[in-house]
Amino acid sequence: MEAYAVVFFVGLQPTMVLIFHREGCAAVAAALGKRHPAQETTLQLTQRNYEQILRQRDRFTALGVDIFKLELQLAG
């Protein structure tokens, strides 16, 4: 099983990690309404897609997307 992780940053701080499993890429692309080629192996994400995945967390986790919110911990 191949998986791809996308880390999202706000203010140079990592805030969220989305993990997409290769075998689920086409289903995720379809759920996002994507039209780009090679959807079985690539996923072109936009800010709008990111927000949709977070709003519809249950839908996308059912498609195999792992969603992790990162909590900032200051050293000190």
PDB file of N, CA and C in Angstrom:
ATOM      1  N   MET A   1       0.843  -1.172   0.000  1.00  0.00           N
ATOM      2  CA  MET A   1       0.000   0.000   0.000  1.00  0.00           C
ATOM      3  C   MET A   1       0.891   1.240   0.000  1.00  0.00           C
ATOM      4  N   GLU A   2       0.649   2.114  -0.964  1.00  0.00           N
ATOM      5  CA  GLU A   2       1.346   3.389  -1.003  1.00  0.00           C
ATOM      6  C   GLU A   2       0.445   4.460  -0.437  1.00  0.00           C
ATOM      7  N   ALA A   3       1.045   5.387   0.274  1.00  0.00           N
ATOM      8  CA  ALA A   3       0.277   6.502   0.824  1.00  0.00           C
ATOM      9  C   ALA A   3       1.073   7.784   0.634  1.00  0.00           C
ATOM     10  N   TYR A   4       0.333   8.864   0.539  1.00  0.00           N
ATOM     11  CA  TYR A   4       0.923  10.185   0.350  1.00  0.00           C
ATOM     12  C   TYR A   4       0.408  11.096   1.448  1.00  0.00           C
ATOM     13  N   ALA A   5       1.307  11.829   2.099  1.00  0.00           N
ATOM     14  CA  ALA A   5       0.915  12.764   3.155  1.00  0.00           C
ATOM     15  C   ALA A   5       1.092  14.182   2.650  1.00  0.00           C
ATOM     16  N   VAL A   6       0.095  15.001   2.941  1.00  0.00           N
ATOM     17  CA  VAL A   6       0.164  16.423   2.626  1.00  0.00           C
ATOM     18  C   VAL A   6       0.078  17.157   3.953  1.00  0.00           C
ATOM     19  N   VAL A   7       1.073  18.002   4.220  1.00  0.00           N
ATOM     20  CA  VAL A   7       1.114  18.771   5.461  1.00  0.00           C
ATOM     21  C   VAL A   7       0.733  20.213   5.135  1.00  0.00           C
ATOM     22  N   PHE A   8      -0.202  20.763   5.906  1.00  0.00           N
ATOM     23  CA  PHE A   8      -0.663  22.132   5.700  1.00  0.00           C
ATOM     24  C   PHE A   8      -0.083  23.019   6.795  1.00  0.00           C
ATOM     25  N   PHE A   9       0.366  24.190   6.378  1.00  0.00           N
ATOM     26  CA  PHE A   9       1.004  25.144   7.284  1.00  0.00           C
ATOM     27  C   PHE A   9       0.192  26.429   7.346  1.00  0.00           C
ATOM     28  N   VAL A  10       0.122  27.022   8.536  1.00  0.00           N
ATOM     29  CA  VAL A  10      -0.448  28.347   8.726  1.00  0.00           C
ATOM     30  C   VAL A  10       0.578  29.134   9.528  1.00  0.00           C
ATOM     31  N   GLY A  11       1.011  30.262   8.982  1.00  0.00           N
ATOM     32  CA  GLY A  11       2.021  31.054   9.684  1.00  0.00           C
ATOM     33  C   GLY A  11       3.302  30.272   9.935  1.00  0.00           C
ATOM     34  N   LEU A  12       3.693  29.452   8.978  1.00  0.00           N
ATOM     35  CA  LEU A  12       4.886  28.605   9.038  1.00  0.00           C
ATOM     36  C   LEU A  12       4.817  27.517  10.111  1.00  0.00           C
ATOM     37  N   GLN A  13       3.639  27.290  10.655  1.00  0.00           N
ATOM     38  CA  GLN A  13       3.457  26.221  11.638  1.00  0.00           C
ATOM     39  C   GLN A  13       2.621  25.112  11.003  1.00  0.00           C
ATOM     40  N   PRO A  14       3.062  23.849  11.102  1.00  0.00           N
ATOM     41  CA  PRO A  14       2.239  22.755  10.575  1.00  0.00           C
ATOM     42  C   PRO A  14       0.958  22.637  11.403  1.00  0.00           C
ATOM     43  N   THR A  15      -0.186  22.577  10.728  1.00  0.00           N
ATOM     44  CA  THR A  15      -1.465  22.544  11.437  1.00  0.00           C
ATOM     45  C   THR A  15      -2.291  21.297  11.152  1.00  0.00           C
ATOM     46  N   MET A  16      -2.088  20.685   9.977  1.00  0.00           N
ATOM     47  CA  MET A  16      -2.938  19.565   9.591  1.00  0.00           C
ATOM     48  C   MET A  16      -2.154  18.643   8.664  1.00  0.00           C
ATOM     49  N   VAL A  17      -2.410  17.346   8.788  1.00  0.00           N
ATOM     50  CA  VAL A  17      -1.836  16.356   7.878  1.00  0.00           C
ATOM     51  C   VAL A  17      -2.987  15.536   7.303  1.00  0.00           C
ATOM     52  N   LEU A  18      -3.010  15.440   5.978  1.00  0.00           N
ATOM     53  CA  LEU A  18      -3.968  14.576   5.288  1.00  0.00           C
ATOM     54  C   LEU A  18      -3.172  13.465   4.618  1.00  0.00           C
ATOM     55  N   ILE A  19      -3.568  12.233   4.854  1.00  0.00           N
ATOM     56  CA  ILE A  19      -2.896  11.090   4.248  1.00  0.00           C
ATOM     57  C   ILE A  19      -3.865  10.425   3.279  1.00  0.00           C
ATOM     58  N   PHE A  20      -3.423  10.336   2.032  1.00  0.00           N
ATOM     59  CA  PHE A  20      -4.216   9.728   0.969  1.00  0.00           C
ATOM     60  C   PHE A  20      -3.571   8.406   0.585  1.00  0.00           C
ATOM     61  N   HIS A  21      -4.359   7.351   0.535  1.00  0.00           N
ATOM     62  CA  HIS A  21      -3.865   6.049   0.124  1.00  0.00           C
ATOM     63  C   HIS A  21      -4.073   5.907  -1.377  1.00  0.00           C
ATOM     64  N   ARG A  22      -3.059   5.445  -2.055  1.00  0.00           N
ATOM     65  CA  ARG A  22      -3.078   5.406  -3.521  1.00  0.00           C
ATOM     66  C   ARG A  22      -4.325   4.732  -4.083  1.00  0.00           C
ATOM     67  N   GLU A  23      -4.738   3.629  -3.472  1.00  0.00           N
ATOM     68  CA  GLU A  23      -5.894   2.907  -4.013  1.00  0.00           C
ATOM     69  C   GLU A  23      -7.199   3.698  -3.869  1.00  0.00           C
ATOM     70  N   GLY A  24      -7.200   4.754  -3.075  1.00  0.00           N
ATOM     71  CA  GLY A  24      -8.410   5.561  -2.915  1.00  0.00           C
ATOM     72  C   GLY A  24      -8.377   6.891  -3.643  1.00  0.00           C
ATOM     73  N   CYS A  25      -7.288   7.166  -4.364  1.00  0.00           N
ATOM     74  CA  CYS A  25      -7.142   8.475  -5.026  1.00  0.00           C
ATOM     75  C   CYS A  25      -8.292   8.780  -5.977  1.00  0.00           C
ATOM     76  N   ALA A  26      -8.696   7.838  -6.799  1.00  0.00           N
ATOM     77  CA  ALA A  26      -9.755   8.091  -7.784  1.00  0.00           C
ATOM     78  C   ALA A  26     -11.077   8.411  -7.096  1.00  0.00           C
ATOM     79  N   ALA A  27     -11.396   7.712  -6.025  1.00  0.00           N
ATOM     80  CA  ALA A  27     -12.647   7.969  -5.303  1.00  0.00           C
ATOM     81  C   ALA A  27     -12.623   9.343  -4.642  1.00  0.00           C
ATOM     82  N   VAL A  28     -11.488   9.723  -4.082  1.00  0.00           N
ATOM     83  CA  VAL A  28     -11.362  11.045  -3.465  1.00  0.00           C
ATOM     84  C   VAL A  28     -11.475  12.128  -4.536  1.00  0.00           C
ATOM     85  N   ALA A  29     -10.807  11.930  -5.667  1.00  0.00           N
ATOM     86  CA  ALA A  29     -10.875  12.899  -6.766  1.00  0.00           C
ATOM     87  C   ALA A  29     -12.323  13.065  -7.244  1.00  0.00           C
ATOM     88  N   ALA A  30     -13.050  11.971  -7.360  1.00  0.00           N
ATOM     89  CA  ALA A  30     -14.453  12.040  -7.785  1.00  0.00           C
ATOM     90  C   ALA A  30     -15.296  12.791  -6.758  1.00  0.00           C
ATOM     91  N   ALA A  31     -15.069  12.533  -5.481  1.00  0.00           N
ATOM     92  CA  ALA A  31     -15.824  13.213  -4.426  1.00  0.00           C
ATOM     93  C   ALA A  31     -15.550  14.716  -4.410  1.00  0.00           C
ATOM     94  N   LEU A  32     -14.346  15.095  -4.848  1.00  0.00           N
ATOM     95  CA  LEU A  32     -13.989  16.513  -4.907  1.00  0.00           C
ATOM     96  C   LEU A  32     -14.398  17.153  -6.231  1.00  0.00           C
ATOM     97  N   GLY A  33     -14.904  16.351  -7.159  1.00  0.00           N
ATOM     98  CA  GLY A  33     -15.305  16.876  -8.464  1.00  0.00           C
ATOM     99  C   GLY A  33     -14.134  17.224  -9.367  1.00  0.00           C
ATOM    100  N   LYS A  34     -13.025  16.528  -9.186  1.00  0.00           N
ATOM    101  CA  LYS A  34     -11.817  16.796  -9.972  1.00  0.00           C
ATOM    102  C   LYS A  34     -11.996  16.372 -11.422  1.00  0.00           C
ATOM    103  N   ARG A  35     -11.277  17.075 -12.314  1.00  0.00           N
ATOM    104  CA  ARG A  35     -11.347  16.758 -13.741  1.00  0.00           C
ATOM    105  C   ARG A  35      -9.967  16.575 -14.361  1.00  0.00           C
ATOM    106  N   HIS A  36      -8.912  16.648 -13.553  1.00  0.00           N
ATOM    107  CA  HIS A  36      -7.562  16.496 -14.096  1.00  0.00           C
ATOM    108  C   HIS A  36      -7.289  15.041 -14.464  1.00  0.00           C
ATOM    109  N   PRO A  37      -6.320  14.806 -15.355  1.00  0.00           N
ATOM    110  CA  PRO A  37      -5.998  13.430 -15.770  1.00  0.00           C
ATOM    111  C   PRO A  37      -5.263  12.659 -14.672  1.00  0.00           C
ATOM    112  N   ALA A  38      -5.178  11.362 -14.859  1.00  0.00           N
ATOM    113  CA  ALA A  38      -4.415  10.445 -13.990  1.00  0.00           C
ATOM    114  C   ALA A  38      -4.888  10.490 -12.537  1.00  0.00           C
ATOM    115  N   GLN A  39      -6.179  10.497 -12.331  1.00  0.00           N
ATOM    116  CA  GLN A  39      -6.718  10.583 -10.976  1.00  0.00           C
ATOM    117  C   GLN A  39      -6.473   9.326 -10.147  1.00  0.00           C
ATOM    118  N   GLU A  40      -6.092   8.246 -10.785  1.00  0.00           N
ATOM    119  CA  GLU A  40      -5.782   7.021 -10.037  1.00  0.00           C
ATOM    120  C   GLU A  40      -4.455   7.144  -9.296  1.00  0.00           C
ATOM    121  N   THR A  41      -3.598   8.068  -9.747  1.00  0.00           N
ATOM    122  CA  THR A  41      -2.263   8.174  -9.158  1.00  0.00           C
ATOM    123  C   THR A  41      -1.898   9.579  -8.687  1.00  0.00           C
ATOM    124  N   THR A  42      -2.704  10.590  -9.047  1.00  0.00           N
ATOM    125  CA  THR A  42      -2.385  11.961  -8.623  1.00  0.00           C
ATOM    126  C   THR A  42      -3.641  12.644  -8.102  1.00  0.00           C
ATOM    127  N   LEU A  43      -3.410  13.596  -7.227  1.00  0.00           N
ATOM    128  CA  LEU A  43      -4.507  14.377  -6.688  1.00  0.00           C
ATOM    129  C   LEU A  43      -4.030  15.813  -6.567  1.00  0.00           C
ATOM    130  N   GLN A  44      -4.654  16.704  -7.323  1.00  0.00           N
ATOM    131  CA  GLN A  44      -4.296  18.122  -7.308  1.00  0.00           C
ATOM    132  C   GLN A  44      -5.251  18.843  -6.367  1.00  0.00           C
ATOM    133  N   LEU A  45      -4.729  19.261  -5.222  1.00  0.00           N
ATOM    134  CA  LEU A  45      -5.553  19.876  -4.184  1.00  0.00           C
ATOM    135  C   LEU A  45      -5.490  21.389  -4.236  1.00  0.00           C
ATOM    136  N   THR A  46      -6.611  22.014  -3.926  1.00  0.00           N
ATOM    137  CA  THR A  46      -6.687  23.462  -3.788  1.00  0.00           C
ATOM    138  C   THR A  46      -7.110  23.788  -2.363  1.00  0.00           C
ATOM    139  N   GLN A  47      -7.068  25.060  -2.021  1.00  0.00           N
ATOM    140  CA  GLN A  47      -7.551  25.506  -0.708  1.00  0.00           C
ATOM    141  C   GLN A  47      -9.009  25.102  -0.526  1.00  0.00           C
ATOM    142  N   ARG A  48      -9.799  25.240  -1.565  1.00  0.00           N
ATOM    143  CA  ARG A  48     -11.219  24.871  -1.506  1.00  0.00           C
ATOM    144  C   ARG A  48     -11.382  23.372  -1.226  1.00  0.00           C
ATOM    145  N   ASN A  49     -10.535  22.538  -1.863  1.00  0.00           N
ATOM    146  CA  ASN A  49     -10.595  21.085  -1.623  1.00  0.00           C
ATOM    147  C   ASN A  49     -10.255  20.763  -0.175  1.00  0.00           C
ATOM    148  N   TYR A  50      -9.214  21.413   0.332  1.00  0.00           N
ATOM    149  CA  TYR A  50      -8.793  21.231   1.725  1.00  0.00           C
ATOM    150  C   TYR A  50      -9.954  21.551   2.665  1.00  0.00           C
ATOM    151  N   GLU A  51     -10.609  22.686   2.426  1.00  0.00           N
ATOM    152  CA  GLU A  51     -11.723  23.091   3.277  1.00  0.00           C
ATOM    153  C   GLU A  51     -12.900  22.123   3.156  1.00  0.00           C
ATOM    154  N   GLN A  52     -13.161  21.617   1.943  1.00  0.00           N
ATOM    155  CA  GLN A  52     -14.236  20.647   1.751  1.00  0.00           C
ATOM    156  C   GLN A  52     -13.952  19.356   2.512  1.00  0.00           C
ATOM    157  N   ILE A  53     -12.716  18.885   2.457  1.00  0.00           N
ATOM    158  CA  ILE A  53     -12.340  17.658   3.171  1.00  0.00           C
ATOM    159  C   ILE A  53     -12.560  17.840   4.671  1.00  0.00           C
ATOM    160  N   LEU A  54     -12.194  18.998   5.200  1.00  0.00           N
ATOM    161  CA  LEU A  54     -12.387  19.229   6.633  1.00  0.00           C
ATOM    162  C   LEU A  54     -13.870  19.363   6.990  1.00  0.00           C
ATOM    163  N   ARG A  55     -14.663  20.003   6.133  1.00  0.00           N
ATOM    164  CA  ARG A  55     -16.103  20.141   6.390  1.00  0.00           C
ATOM    165  C   ARG A  55     -16.821  18.801   6.311  1.00  0.00           C
ATOM    166  N   GLN A  56     -16.357  17.932   5.412  1.00  0.00           N
ATOM    167  CA  GLN A  56     -17.002  16.637   5.184  1.00  0.00           C
ATOM    168  C   GLN A  56     -16.090  15.497   5.649  1.00  0.00           C
ATOM    169  N   ARG A  57     -15.551  15.671   6.811  1.00  0.00           N
ATOM    170  CA  ARG A  57     -14.573  14.727   7.369  1.00  0.00           C
ATOM    171  C   ARG A  57     -15.057  13.275   7.299  1.00  0.00           C
ATOM    172  N   ASP A  58     -16.283  13.012   7.703  1.00  0.00           N
ATOM    173  CA  ASP A  58     -16.796  11.638   7.708  1.00  0.00           C
ATOM    174  C   ASP A  58     -16.815  11.042   6.299  1.00  0.00           C
ATOM    175  N   ARG A  59     -17.221  11.839   5.338  1.00  0.00           N
ATOM    176  CA  ARG A  59     -17.268  11.368   3.943  1.00  0.00           C
ATOM    177  C   ARG A  59     -15.885  10.969   3.455  1.00  0.00           C
ATOM    178  N   PHE A  60     -14.886  11.813   3.740  1.00  0.00           N
ATOM    179  CA  PHE A  60     -13.551  11.542   3.217  1.00  0.00           C
ATOM    180  C   PHE A  60     -12.801  10.483   4.019  1.00  0.00           C
ATOM    181  N   THR A  61     -13.052  10.384   5.310  1.00  0.00           N
ATOM    182  CA  THR A  61     -12.423   9.282   6.055  1.00  0.00           C
ATOM    183  C   THR A  61     -12.989   7.947   5.586  1.00  0.00           C
ATOM    184  N   ALA A  62     -14.273   7.926   5.194  1.00  0.00           N
ATOM    185  CA  ALA A  62     -14.866   6.698   4.649  1.00  0.00           C
ATOM    186  C   ALA A  62     -14.208   6.310   3.321  1.00  0.00           C
ATOM    187  N   LEU A  63     -13.638   7.296   2.624  1.00  0.00           N
ATOM    188  CA  LEU A  63     -12.923   7.029   1.368  1.00  0.00           C
ATOM    189  C   LEU A  63     -11.448   6.692   1.607  1.00  0.00           C
ATOM    190  N   GLY A  64     -11.048   6.642   2.879  1.00  0.00           N
ATOM    191  CA  GLY A  64      -9.690   6.236   3.210  1.00  0.00           C
ATOM    192  C   GLY A  64      -8.722   7.367   3.502  1.00  0.00           C
ATOM    193  N   VAL A  65      -9.215   8.599   3.605  1.00  0.00           N
ATOM    194  CA  VAL A  65      -8.331   9.722   3.931  1.00  0.00           C
ATOM    195  C   VAL A  65      -8.152   9.758   5.447  1.00  0.00           C
ATOM    196  N   ASP A  66      -6.909   9.805   5.888  1.00  0.00           N
ATOM    197  CA  ASP A  66      -6.602   9.966   7.313  1.00  0.00           C
ATOM    198  C   ASP A  66      -6.358  11.444   7.558  1.00  0.00           C
ATOM    199  N   ILE A  67      -7.015  12.001   8.582  1.00  0.00           N
ATOM    200  CA  ILE A  67      -6.948  13.426   8.866  1.00  0.00           C
ATOM    201  C   ILE A  67      -6.419  13.606  10.282  1.00  0.00           C
ATOM    202  N   PHE A  68      -5.317  14.348  10.392  1.00  0.00           N
ATOM    203  CA  PHE A  68      -4.697  14.590  11.695  1.00  0.00           C
ATOM    204  C   PHE A  68      -4.519  16.083  11.910  1.00  0.00           C
ATOM    205  N   LYS A  69      -5.122  16.595  12.974  1.00  0.00           N
ATOM    206  CA  LYS A  69      -4.920  17.991  13.353  1.00  0.00           C
ATOM    207  C   LYS A  69      -3.722  18.044  14.295  1.00  0.00           C
ATOM    208  N   LEU A  70      -2.795  18.927  13.987  1.00  0.00           N
ATOM    209  CA  LEU A  70      -1.579  19.047  14.794  1.00  0.00           C
ATOM    210  C   LEU A  70      -1.764  20.173  15.805  1.00  0.00           C
ATOM    211  N   GLU A  71      -1.379  19.909  17.011  1.00  0.00           N
ATOM    212  CA  GLU A  71      -1.449  20.918  18.077  1.00  0.00           C
ATOM    213  C   GLU A  71      -0.059  21.515  18.259  1.00  0.00           C
ATOM    214  N   LEU A  72      -0.009  22.821  18.256  1.00  0.00           N
ATOM    215  CA  LEU A  72       1.261  23.514  18.432  1.00  0.00           C
ATOM    216  C   LEU A  72       1.711  23.390  19.874  1.00  0.00           C
ATOM    217  N   GLN A  73       2.946  22.934  20.042  1.00  0.00           N
ATOM    218  CA  GLN A  73       3.519  22.838  21.383  1.00  0.00           C
ATOM    219  C   GLN A  73       4.796  23.661  21.396  1.00  0.00           C
ATOM    220  N   LEU A  74       4.790  24.738  22.166  1.00  0.00           N
ATOM    221  CA  LEU A  74       5.950  25.593  22.234  1.00  0.00           C
ATOM    222  C   LEU A  74       7.007  25.004  23.170  1.00  0.00           C
ATOM    223  N   ALA A  75       8.238  25.043  22.727  1.00  0.00           N
ATOM    224  CA  ALA A  75       9.335  24.557  23.565  1.00  0.00           C
ATOM    225  C   ALA A  75       9.584  25.579  24.659  1.00  0.00           C
ATOM    226  N   GLY A  76       9.949  25.127  25.813  1.00  0.00           N
ATOM    227  CA  GLY A  76      10.232  26.149  26.801  1.00  0.00           C
ATOM    228  C   GLY A  76      10.406  25.623  28.120  1.00  0.00           C
TER     229      GLY A  76
END
